[in-house]
Amino acid sequence: MTPAVFGIAGLGLTADEKAFFRDSDPAGYIIFGRNIETKAQLRALTDDLRAIHGRDDLAILIDQEGGRVARMQEPIWPKFPSGEIFDKLYDIAPATAIEAARLNAQAIAVSMREVGITVDCLPLLDVRQPDANNVIGDRALGSEPMRVAALGRAILDGLQRGGVVGVVKHLPGHGRTSVDTHKALPTVTASDEELELDLAPFKTLNMAPMGMTGHLLFTAWDAETPSTLSKTVVQDIIRDRIGFDGLLFTDDLDMEALSGTVPERAERAQAAGCDIALNCWAKMDDMTGIAERLSPMSEKTQQRLNHAMATISDTKDDEIDDELTGLLARRDELMAATV
Protein backbone atom coordinates (compact mmCIF):
# COMPACT_ATOMS: atom_id res chain seq x y z
CA MET A 1 0.00 0.00 0.00
CA THR A 2 1.23 3.51 -0.83
CA PRO A 3 1.26 5.65 2.34
CA ALA A 4 -0.58 8.54 0.71
CA VAL A 5 -4.04 10.06 0.52
CA PHE A 6 -4.98 11.39 -2.92
CA GLY A 7 -7.60 13.76 -4.27
CA ILE A 8 -10.01 13.08 -7.14
CA ALA A 9 -10.46 15.43 -10.08
CA GLY A 10 -14.22 15.43 -10.57
CA LEU A 11 -17.63 13.99 -9.74
CA GLY A 12 -16.64 10.49 -10.81
CA LEU A 13 -13.47 8.51 -11.41
CA THR A 14 -11.78 8.71 -14.79
CA ALA A 15 -10.34 5.61 -16.42
CA ASP A 16 -6.82 6.91 -15.74
CA GLU A 17 -7.61 7.49 -12.06
CA LYS A 18 -9.09 4.02 -11.66
CA ALA A 19 -6.04 2.41 -13.23
CA PHE A 20 -3.59 4.47 -11.18
CA PHE A 21 -5.43 3.97 -7.90
CA ARG A 22 -5.67 0.23 -8.53
CA ASP A 23 -1.93 0.00 -9.17
CA SER A 24 -0.72 2.34 -6.43
CA ASP A 25 -3.21 1.22 -3.75
CA PRO A 26 -3.14 4.42 -1.66
CA ALA A 27 -4.08 4.46 2.01
CA GLY A 28 -7.10 6.62 1.25
CA TYR A 29 -8.67 9.58 -0.53
CA ILE A 30 -9.90 13.08 0.27
CA ILE A 31 -13.14 14.67 -0.95
CA PHE A 32 -13.57 18.33 -1.94
CA GLY A 33 -16.44 20.45 -3.20
CA ARG A 34 -15.46 19.66 -6.80
CA ASN A 35 -16.35 16.04 -6.08
CA ILE A 36 -19.85 16.77 -4.79
CA GLU A 37 -23.12 17.30 -6.67
CA THR A 38 -25.80 15.15 -4.98
CA LYS A 39 -25.99 12.59 -2.19
CA ALA A 40 -26.50 9.77 -4.68
CA GLN A 41 -23.56 10.87 -6.82
CA LEU A 42 -21.24 11.23 -3.82
CA ARG A 43 -22.25 7.83 -2.44
CA ALA A 44 -21.60 6.28 -5.86
CA LEU A 45 -18.15 7.86 -5.94
CA THR A 46 -17.17 6.58 -2.50
CA ASP A 47 -18.58 3.14 -3.36
CA ASP A 48 -16.44 3.11 -6.51
CA LEU A 49 -13.35 3.87 -4.42
CA ARG A 50 -14.13 1.01 -2.05
CA ALA A 51 -14.72 -1.33 -4.98
CA ILE A 52 -11.25 -0.64 -6.38
CA HIS A 53 -9.60 -1.97 -3.25
CA GLY A 54 -12.23 -4.28 -1.77
CA ARG A 55 -11.82 -2.51 1.59
CA ASP A 56 -15.04 -1.63 3.40
CA ASP A 57 -13.03 0.33 5.97
CA LEU A 58 -11.28 2.48 3.37
CA ALA A 59 -10.19 5.87 4.75
CA ILE A 60 -12.11 8.52 2.78
CA LEU A 61 -11.42 11.96 4.26
CA ILE A 62 -13.15 15.32 4.10
CA ASP A 63 -12.77 18.73 5.75
CA GLN A 64 -16.24 19.10 7.27
CA GLU A 65 -15.58 21.40 10.20
CA GLY A 66 -18.59 23.69 9.95
CA GLY A 67 -18.54 27.44 9.43
CA ARG A 68 -16.36 28.51 6.52
CA VAL A 69 -14.67 25.12 6.13
CA ALA A 70 -17.38 22.75 4.90
CA ARG A 71 -17.29 20.75 1.68
CA MET A 72 -20.82 19.33 2.09
CA GLN A 73 -23.05 22.39 1.97
CA GLU A 74 -26.63 23.62 1.95
CA PRO A 75 -29.23 22.97 0.69
CA ILE A 76 -28.32 19.29 0.52
CA TRP A 77 -26.82 19.16 4.02
CA PRO A 78 -27.42 21.21 7.17
CA LYS A 79 -25.21 24.19 7.90
CA PHE A 80 -22.98 23.42 10.85
CA PRO A 81 -21.47 26.14 13.08
CA SER A 82 -17.78 26.97 13.44
CA GLY A 83 -15.75 26.03 16.50
CA GLU A 84 -15.97 29.56 17.87
CA ILE A 85 -19.67 29.07 18.65
CA PHE A 86 -18.87 26.40 21.22
CA ASP A 87 -16.07 28.51 22.68
CA LYS A 88 -18.56 31.33 23.29
CA LEU A 89 -21.15 28.94 24.71
CA TYR A 90 -18.50 27.62 27.10
CA ASP A 91 -18.28 31.10 28.66
CA ILE A 92 -21.92 30.76 29.69
CA ALA A 93 -22.33 27.06 30.42
CA PRO A 94 -19.29 24.78 30.04
CA ALA A 95 -21.13 21.45 30.39
CA THR A 96 -23.76 22.56 27.89
CA ALA A 97 -21.08 23.66 25.42
CA ILE A 98 -19.35 20.29 25.67
CA GLU A 99 -22.57 18.35 25.07
CA ALA A 100 -23.60 20.65 22.20
CA ALA A 101 -20.20 20.16 20.56
CA ARG A 102 -20.56 16.38 20.90
CA LEU A 103 -24.06 16.36 19.40
CA ASN A 104 -22.96 18.64 16.57
CA ALA A 105 -20.01 16.38 15.74
CA GLN A 106 -22.21 13.30 15.84
CA ALA A 107 -24.62 14.98 13.43
CA ILE A 108 -21.73 15.84 11.10
CA ALA A 109 -20.61 12.22 11.26
CA VAL A 110 -23.95 10.65 10.40
CA SER A 111 -24.37 13.03 7.45
CA MET A 112 -20.94 11.91 6.22
CA ARG A 113 -21.55 8.23 6.85
CA GLU A 114 -24.67 8.33 4.70
CA VAL A 115 -22.51 9.16 1.67
CA GLY A 116 -19.70 6.76 2.55
CA ILE A 117 -17.12 9.19 3.99
CA THR A 118 -15.29 7.72 6.95
CA VAL A 119 -12.79 10.32 8.25
CA ASP A 120 -13.36 13.96 9.21
CA CYS A 121 -10.40 16.33 9.54
CA LEU A 122 -11.73 17.65 12.84
CA PRO A 123 -11.25 18.79 15.62
CA LEU A 124 -8.81 21.70 15.55
CA LEU A 125 -6.80 21.74 18.76
CA ASP A 126 -4.98 24.93 17.79
CA VAL A 127 -4.94 27.38 20.70
CA ARG A 128 -5.99 30.70 19.18
CA GLN A 129 -3.73 33.70 19.74
CA PRO A 130 -5.07 37.27 19.36
CA ASP A 131 -2.47 38.45 16.83
CA ALA A 132 -2.54 35.35 14.62
CA ASN A 133 -3.55 35.12 10.97
CA ASN A 134 -7.25 34.50 10.41
CA VAL A 135 -6.58 31.20 8.61
CA ILE A 136 -7.52 29.61 11.96
CA GLY A 137 -9.64 32.41 13.43
CA ASP A 138 -13.21 31.35 14.17
CA ARG A 139 -12.36 27.74 13.37
CA ALA A 140 -10.62 27.47 16.76
CA LEU A 141 -12.22 26.13 19.93
CA GLY A 142 -10.73 28.89 22.04
CA SER A 143 -7.62 30.48 23.53
CA GLU A 144 -7.41 28.42 26.71
CA PRO A 145 -5.83 24.96 26.41
CA MET A 146 -8.09 23.16 28.87
CA ARG A 147 -11.20 24.45 27.10
CA VAL A 148 -9.84 23.50 23.68
CA ALA A 149 -9.08 20.00 24.93
CA ALA A 150 -12.48 19.56 26.58
CA LEU A 151 -14.37 20.60 23.45
CA GLY A 152 -11.98 18.64 21.24
CA ARG A 153 -12.56 15.49 23.27
CA ALA A 154 -16.33 15.94 22.89
CA ILE A 155 -15.96 16.34 19.12
CA LEU A 156 -13.84 13.20 18.80
CA ASP A 157 -16.43 11.31 20.84
CA GLY A 158 -19.32 12.63 18.74
CA LEU A 159 -17.63 11.73 15.49
CA GLN A 160 -16.93 8.20 16.72
CA ARG A 161 -20.51 7.74 17.91
CA GLY A 162 -21.67 8.77 14.46
CA GLY A 163 -19.43 6.25 12.74
CA VAL A 164 -16.52 8.44 11.63
CA VAL A 165 -12.86 8.80 12.68
CA GLY A 166 -11.69 12.25 13.80
CA VAL A 167 -8.32 13.84 13.02
CA VAL A 168 -6.75 16.22 15.56
CA LYS A 169 -4.99 19.12 13.87
CA HIS A 170 -2.65 20.91 13.33
CA LEU A 171 0.18 19.27 15.26
CA PRO A 172 2.16 20.69 17.03
CA GLY A 173 -0.04 23.83 16.99
CA HIS A 174 -1.24 26.34 14.40
CA GLY A 175 -2.61 29.03 16.71
CA ARG A 176 0.31 31.48 16.41
CA THR A 177 0.75 31.61 12.64
CA SER A 178 1.29 35.08 11.19
CA VAL A 179 0.54 34.06 7.60
CA ASP A 180 -1.67 31.57 5.77
CA THR A 181 0.28 28.36 5.06
CA HIS A 182 -1.59 28.03 1.78
CA LYS A 183 0.39 31.07 0.61
CA ALA A 184 3.67 31.18 2.55
CA LEU A 185 5.67 29.57 5.34
CA PRO A 186 4.93 31.09 8.76
CA THR A 187 7.79 31.49 11.21
CA VAL A 188 6.88 31.09 14.87
CA THR A 189 9.48 32.65 17.17
CA ALA A 190 7.84 31.80 20.50
CA SER A 191 10.11 30.18 23.06
CA ASP A 192 9.95 26.52 24.01
CA GLU A 193 8.34 27.54 27.29
CA GLU A 194 5.69 29.64 25.52
CA LEU A 195 4.94 26.82 23.08
CA GLU A 196 3.98 24.55 25.96
CA LEU A 197 0.58 26.29 25.82
CA ASP A 198 0.17 25.18 22.18
CA LEU A 199 1.13 21.60 22.97
CA ALA A 200 -1.20 21.22 25.95
CA PRO A 201 -4.45 20.21 24.15
CA PHE A 202 -2.58 17.73 21.96
CA LYS A 203 -0.97 16.20 25.07
CA THR A 204 -4.39 15.84 26.69
CA LEU A 205 -5.79 14.11 23.60
CA ASN A 206 -2.66 12.28 22.54
CA MET A 207 -4.65 9.03 22.36
CA ALA A 208 -6.56 10.32 19.29
CA PRO A 209 -6.45 7.74 16.48
CA MET A 210 -5.44 10.22 13.77
CA GLY A 211 -3.62 13.55 13.60
CA MET A 212 -2.43 16.07 11.02
CA THR A 213 0.64 18.28 10.95
CA GLY A 214 0.80 21.98 10.18
CA HIS A 215 3.39 23.56 7.87
CA LEU A 216 5.07 26.01 10.25
CA LEU A 217 8.66 26.86 11.12
CA PHE A 218 9.24 26.77 14.88
CA THR A 219 12.57 28.44 15.58
CA ALA A 220 12.68 27.05 19.13
CA TRP A 221 12.76 23.49 17.76
CA ASP A 222 14.07 23.58 14.18
CA ALA A 223 14.97 26.94 12.68
CA GLU A 224 15.65 25.48 9.23
CA THR A 225 12.85 23.03 8.39
CA PRO A 226 9.03 23.29 8.41
CA SER A 227 7.44 21.04 11.02
CA THR A 228 5.93 18.59 8.52
CA LEU A 229 9.38 17.91 7.07
CA SER A 230 11.34 18.13 10.33
CA LYS A 231 12.41 14.92 12.02
CA THR A 232 13.08 16.95 15.15
CA VAL A 233 9.50 18.24 15.29
CA VAL A 234 7.81 15.00 14.22
CA GLN A 235 9.86 12.67 16.40
CA ASP A 236 10.96 14.78 19.38
CA ILE A 237 7.92 17.03 19.73
CA ILE A 238 4.90 15.24 18.23
CA ARG A 239 5.78 11.63 18.99
CA ASP A 240 7.85 11.95 22.17
CA ARG A 241 6.89 15.15 23.96
CA ILE A 242 3.20 15.23 23.02
CA GLY A 243 3.07 11.45 23.15
CA PHE A 244 0.96 11.09 20.00
CA ASP A 245 1.22 7.58 18.58
CA GLY A 246 -1.73 7.69 16.19
CA LEU A 247 -1.71 7.81 12.39
CA LEU A 248 -0.01 11.07 11.37
CA PHE A 249 -1.05 12.76 8.12
CA THR A 250 0.78 15.69 6.62
CA ASP A 251 -1.31 18.74 5.85
CA ASP A 252 -1.79 19.21 2.10
CA LEU A 253 1.65 19.00 0.49
CA ASP A 254 0.61 21.35 -2.31
CA MET A 255 0.59 24.40 -0.01
CA GLU A 256 3.05 27.18 -0.81
CA ALA A 257 4.50 27.01 2.69
CA LEU A 258 6.68 24.15 1.44
CA SER A 259 9.41 24.20 -1.22
CA GLY A 260 10.48 21.60 -3.77
CA THR A 261 8.25 19.47 -5.95
CA VAL A 262 5.24 17.82 -4.35
CA PRO A 263 6.76 14.31 -4.67
CA GLU A 264 9.98 15.60 -3.05
CA ARG A 265 7.94 17.04 -0.19
CA ALA A 266 6.19 13.70 0.31
CA GLU A 267 9.51 11.88 0.42
CA ARG A 268 10.91 14.33 2.98
CA ALA A 269 7.76 14.09 5.12
CA GLN A 270 8.03 10.31 5.18
CA ALA A 271 11.72 10.55 6.13
CA ALA A 272 10.78 12.92 8.97
CA GLY A 273 8.38 10.34 10.38
CA CYS A 274 4.95 11.27 9.00
CA ASP A 275 2.84 8.20 8.27
CA ILE A 276 0.74 9.46 5.37
CA ALA A 277 1.40 12.06 2.67
CA LEU A 278 -1.71 14.13 1.91
CA ASN A 279 -2.01 15.39 -1.67
CA CYS A 280 -5.34 17.06 -2.37
CA TRP A 281 -5.40 18.40 -5.90
CA ALA A 282 -5.64 15.28 -8.08
CA LYS A 283 -2.75 16.26 -10.37
CA MET A 284 -1.76 12.99 -11.98
CA ASP A 285 1.92 13.92 -12.37
CA ASP A 286 2.19 14.75 -8.66
CA MET A 287 0.34 11.61 -7.60
CA THR A 288 2.41 9.29 -9.75
CA GLY A 289 5.58 11.02 -8.53
CA ILE A 290 4.53 10.50 -4.91
CA ALA A 291 3.79 6.81 -5.53
CA GLU A 292 7.23 6.39 -7.13
CA ARG A 293 9.17 8.21 -4.41
CA LEU A 294 7.54 6.90 -1.24
CA SER A 295 8.65 3.69 0.40
CA PRO A 296 5.85 1.13 0.84
CA MET A 297 3.72 1.53 3.93
CA SER A 298 5.57 0.33 7.04
CA GLU A 299 4.13 -2.27 9.38
CA LYS A 300 3.81 0.39 12.10
CA THR A 301 1.87 2.74 9.84
CA GLN A 302 -0.38 -0.13 8.76
CA GLN A 303 -1.08 -0.92 12.42
CA ARG A 304 -1.92 2.72 13.13
CA LEU A 305 -4.25 2.87 10.13
CA ASN A 306 -5.99 -0.36 11.08
CA HIS A 307 -6.41 0.76 14.69
CA ALA A 308 -7.85 4.12 13.66
CA MET A 309 -10.40 2.66 11.26
CA ALA A 310 -11.41 0.05 13.84
CA THR A 311 -12.57 2.82 16.20
CA ILE A 312 -15.60 3.54 14.01
CA SER A 313 -18.84 2.66 15.76
CA ASP A 314 -21.45 0.31 14.31
CA THR A 315 -24.11 2.92 13.52
CA LYS A 316 -26.40 1.43 10.89
CA ASP A 317 -27.03 3.30 7.64
CA ASP A 318 -30.81 2.89 7.88
CA GLU A 319 -30.81 4.77 11.21
CA ILE A 320 -29.11 7.88 9.84
CA ASP A 321 -32.05 10.05 8.72
CA ASP A 322 -33.93 9.92 12.02
CA GLU A 323 -30.73 10.14 14.03
CA LEU A 324 -29.53 13.27 12.20
CA THR A 325 -32.79 15.10 12.77
CA GLY A 326 -32.81 14.19 16.44
CA LEU A 327 -29.20 15.17 16.99
CA LEU A 328 -29.69 18.59 15.43
CA ALA A 329 -32.82 19.20 17.47
CA ARG A 330 -31.09 18.30 20.73
CA ARG A 331 -28.06 20.45 19.84
CA ASP A 332 -30.25 23.44 19.00
CA GLU A 333 -32.27 23.03 22.19
CA LEU A 334 -29.08 23.14 24.27
CA MET A 335 -27.74 26.17 22.44
CA ALA A 336 -31.03 28.07 22.61
CA ALA A 337 -31.39 27.50 26.34
CA THR A 338 -28.26 29.52 27.04
CA VAL A 339 -29.01 32.56 24.92
Foldseek 3Di string as FASTA:
>chain_A
DFQAEEAAAAQAHDPVRLVVCLVLVYQAYEDALRNDDALVSLLVRLVSSCVSPVDLLRAYEYADQFDPGHRDDPPRADGAHALLLLLVVCVQPVVLSLQLLLLSLLLVQLVCVLSPHAEYADDEQAQADPQADCPCPRNANYNFNVSRLSNRVSNQNSNQVNFHAYAYDAPPHDRHFRDDQLEAEGEDADAPVVCVRSNRSLLVVLVRLHYEHDQYAYCNFHNPHTLLLALRRVPVPNCPVSVRLHQYEYPALNGHHDDDQSLVSLLSSVVSPHQYYYHHNNDVVNVVSNSVRGDHHDPSNVVSSVVRSVSHDDDDSVCSPVSSVVSVVVSVVSSVVRD
